Amino acid sequence: MLSLAEFIQTNREKAGLSVYGLSDKSNIPLEVLEDIEEAKSNADIVIVFPHWGTEYVYRPDYSQQYWTKFFYD
């Protein structure tokens, strides 16, 4: 599972292939695509799980619409 979230990176350990943590690439399409391709080469199934949204806002914003299309394509 490849989990992505939009946030400002703090002093937390960054995620990697064998390290659990937080990715600092969630706003850079090319690097996200590379992460997805790497995950595909190391797994039978890849699930992209975005964690996003603004509290109490019930419609997708531009960023969510962009990333939804990006992941679908």
C-alpha atoms as a PDB file:
ATOM      1  CA  MET A   1       0.000   0.000   0.000  1.00  0.00           C
ATOM      2  CA  LEU A   2       1.310   3.412  -0.937  1.00  0.00           C
ATOM      3  CA  SER A   3      -0.154   6.041   1.358  1.00  0.00           C
ATOM      4  CA  LEU A   4       0.151   9.731   0.522  1.00  0.00           C
ATOM      5  CA  ALA A   5      -0.828  12.804   2.498  1.00  0.00           C
ATOM      6  CA  GLU A   6      -0.610  16.518   1.886  1.00  0.00           C
ATOM      7  CA  PHE A   7       1.221  18.198   4.747  1.00  0.00           C
ATOM      8  CA  ILE A   8       4.361  20.114   5.620  1.00  0.00           C
ATOM      9  CA  GLN A   9       7.191  17.730   6.493  1.00  0.00           C
ATOM     10  CA  THR A  10       8.488  17.971  10.038  1.00  0.00           C
ATOM     11  CA  ASN A  11      11.322  16.154  11.802  1.00  0.00           C
ATOM     12  CA  ARG A  12       9.858  12.697  11.262  1.00  0.00           C
ATOM     13  CA  GLU A  13      11.536   9.739   9.640  1.00  0.00           C
ATOM     14  CA  LYS A  14      10.874   9.581   5.916  1.00  0.00           C
ATOM     15  CA  ALA A  15       9.255   6.511   4.427  1.00  0.00           C
ATOM     16  CA  GLY A  16      11.183   4.239   2.129  1.00  0.00           C
ATOM     17  CA  LEU A  17      10.912   0.795   0.595  1.00  0.00           C
ATOM     18  CA  SER A  18      11.708  -0.905   3.917  1.00  0.00           C
ATOM     19  CA  VAL A  19      11.131   1.988   6.323  1.00  0.00           C
ATOM     20  CA  TYR A  20       7.742   2.969   7.690  1.00  0.00           C
ATOM     21  CA  GLY A  21       7.279   6.700   8.004  1.00  0.00           C
ATOM     22  CA  LEU A  22       6.053   9.727   6.100  1.00  0.00           C
ATOM     23  CA  SER A  23       6.806  10.520   2.480  1.00  0.00           C
ATOM     24  CA  ASP A  24       7.760  14.084   1.608  1.00  0.00           C
ATOM     25  CA  LYS A  25       6.965  13.552  -2.095  1.00  0.00           C
ATOM     26  CA  SER A  26       3.178  13.820  -2.064  1.00  0.00           C
ATOM     27  CA  ASN A  27       3.105  17.128  -3.948  1.00  0.00           C
ATOM     28  CA  ILE A  28       5.499  16.208  -6.758  1.00  0.00           C
ATOM     29  CA  PRO A  29       3.776  14.182  -9.534  1.00  0.00           C
ATOM     30  CA  LEU A  30       6.902  12.732 -11.158  1.00  0.00           C
ATOM     31  CA  GLU A  31       8.299  11.471  -7.863  1.00  0.00           C
ATOM     32  CA  VAL A  32       4.914  10.069  -6.834  1.00  0.00           C
ATOM     33  CA  LEU A  33       4.740   8.253 -10.169  1.00  0.00           C
ATOM     34  CA  GLU A  34       8.226   6.836  -9.568  1.00  0.00           C
ATOM     35  CA  ASP A  35       7.115   5.617  -6.123  1.00  0.00           C
ATOM     36  CA  ILE A  36       4.076   3.926  -7.672  1.00  0.00           C
ATOM     37  CA  GLU A  37       6.225   2.251 -10.342  1.00  0.00           C
ATOM     38  CA  GLU A  38       8.707   1.076  -7.702  1.00  0.00           C
ATOM     39  CA  ALA A  39       5.866  -0.332  -5.613  1.00  0.00           C
ATOM     40  CA  LYS A  40       4.475  -2.132  -8.696  1.00  0.00           C
ATOM     41  CA  SER A  41       7.832  -3.789  -9.313  1.00  0.00           C
ATOM     42  CA  ASN A  42       7.934  -5.101  -5.725  1.00  0.00           C
ATOM     43  CA  ALA A  43       4.316  -6.173  -5.174  1.00  0.00           C
ATOM     44  CA  ASP A  44       1.501  -8.130  -6.765  1.00  0.00           C
ATOM     45  CA  ILE A  45      -1.049  -5.407  -5.980  1.00  0.00           C
ATOM     46  CA  VAL A  46      -0.515  -1.700  -5.339  1.00  0.00           C
ATOM     47  CA  ILE A  47      -3.146   0.336  -3.545  1.00  0.00           C
ATOM     48  CA  VAL A  48      -2.675   4.092  -3.542  1.00  0.00           C
ATOM     49  CA  PHE A  49      -4.310   5.530  -0.445  1.00  0.00           C
ATOM     50  CA  PRO A  50      -4.403   9.326  -0.393  1.00  0.00           C
ATOM     51  CA  HIS A  51      -5.118  11.013   2.935  1.00  0.00           C
ATOM     52  CA  TRP A  52      -6.384  14.452   2.114  1.00  0.00           C
ATOM     53  CA  GLY A  53      -9.107  16.996   2.608  1.00  0.00           C
ATOM     54  CA  THR A  54      -9.962  19.960   4.712  1.00  0.00           C
ATOM     55  CA  GLU A  55     -12.014  19.344   7.814  1.00  0.00           C
ATOM     56  CA  TYR A  56     -15.708  20.146   7.429  1.00  0.00           C
ATOM     57  CA  VAL A  57     -15.395  20.722   3.673  1.00  0.00           C
ATOM     58  CA  TYR A  58     -17.552  18.203   1.861  1.00  0.00           C
ATOM     59  CA  ARG A  59     -16.591  18.824  -1.763  1.00  0.00           C
ATOM     60  CA  PRO A  60     -13.274  17.978  -3.412  1.00  0.00           C
ATOM     61  CA  ASP A  61     -10.921  20.859  -4.037  1.00  0.00           C
ATOM     62  CA  TYR A  62      -8.764  21.348  -7.144  1.00  0.00           C
ATOM     63  CA  SER A  63      -5.839  19.415  -5.655  1.00  0.00           C
ATOM     64  CA  GLN A  64      -8.007  16.389  -4.853  1.00  0.00           C
ATOM     65  CA  GLN A  65      -9.517  16.431  -8.340  1.00  0.00           C
ATOM     66  CA  TYR A  66      -6.038  16.668  -9.906  1.00  0.00           C
ATOM     67  CA  TRP A  67      -4.622  13.774  -7.868  1.00  0.00           C
ATOM     68  CA  THR A  68      -7.709  11.601  -8.421  1.00  0.00           C
ATOM     69  CA  LYS A  69      -7.239  11.902 -12.193  1.00  0.00           C
ATOM     70  CA  PHE A  70      -3.470  11.399 -11.805  1.00  0.00           C
ATOM     71  CA  PHE A  71      -3.924   8.147  -9.856  1.00  0.00           C
ATOM     72  CA  TYR A  72      -6.633   6.901 -12.203  1.00  0.00           C
ATOM     73  CA  ASP A  73      -4.544   7.479 -15.324  1.00  0.00           C
END
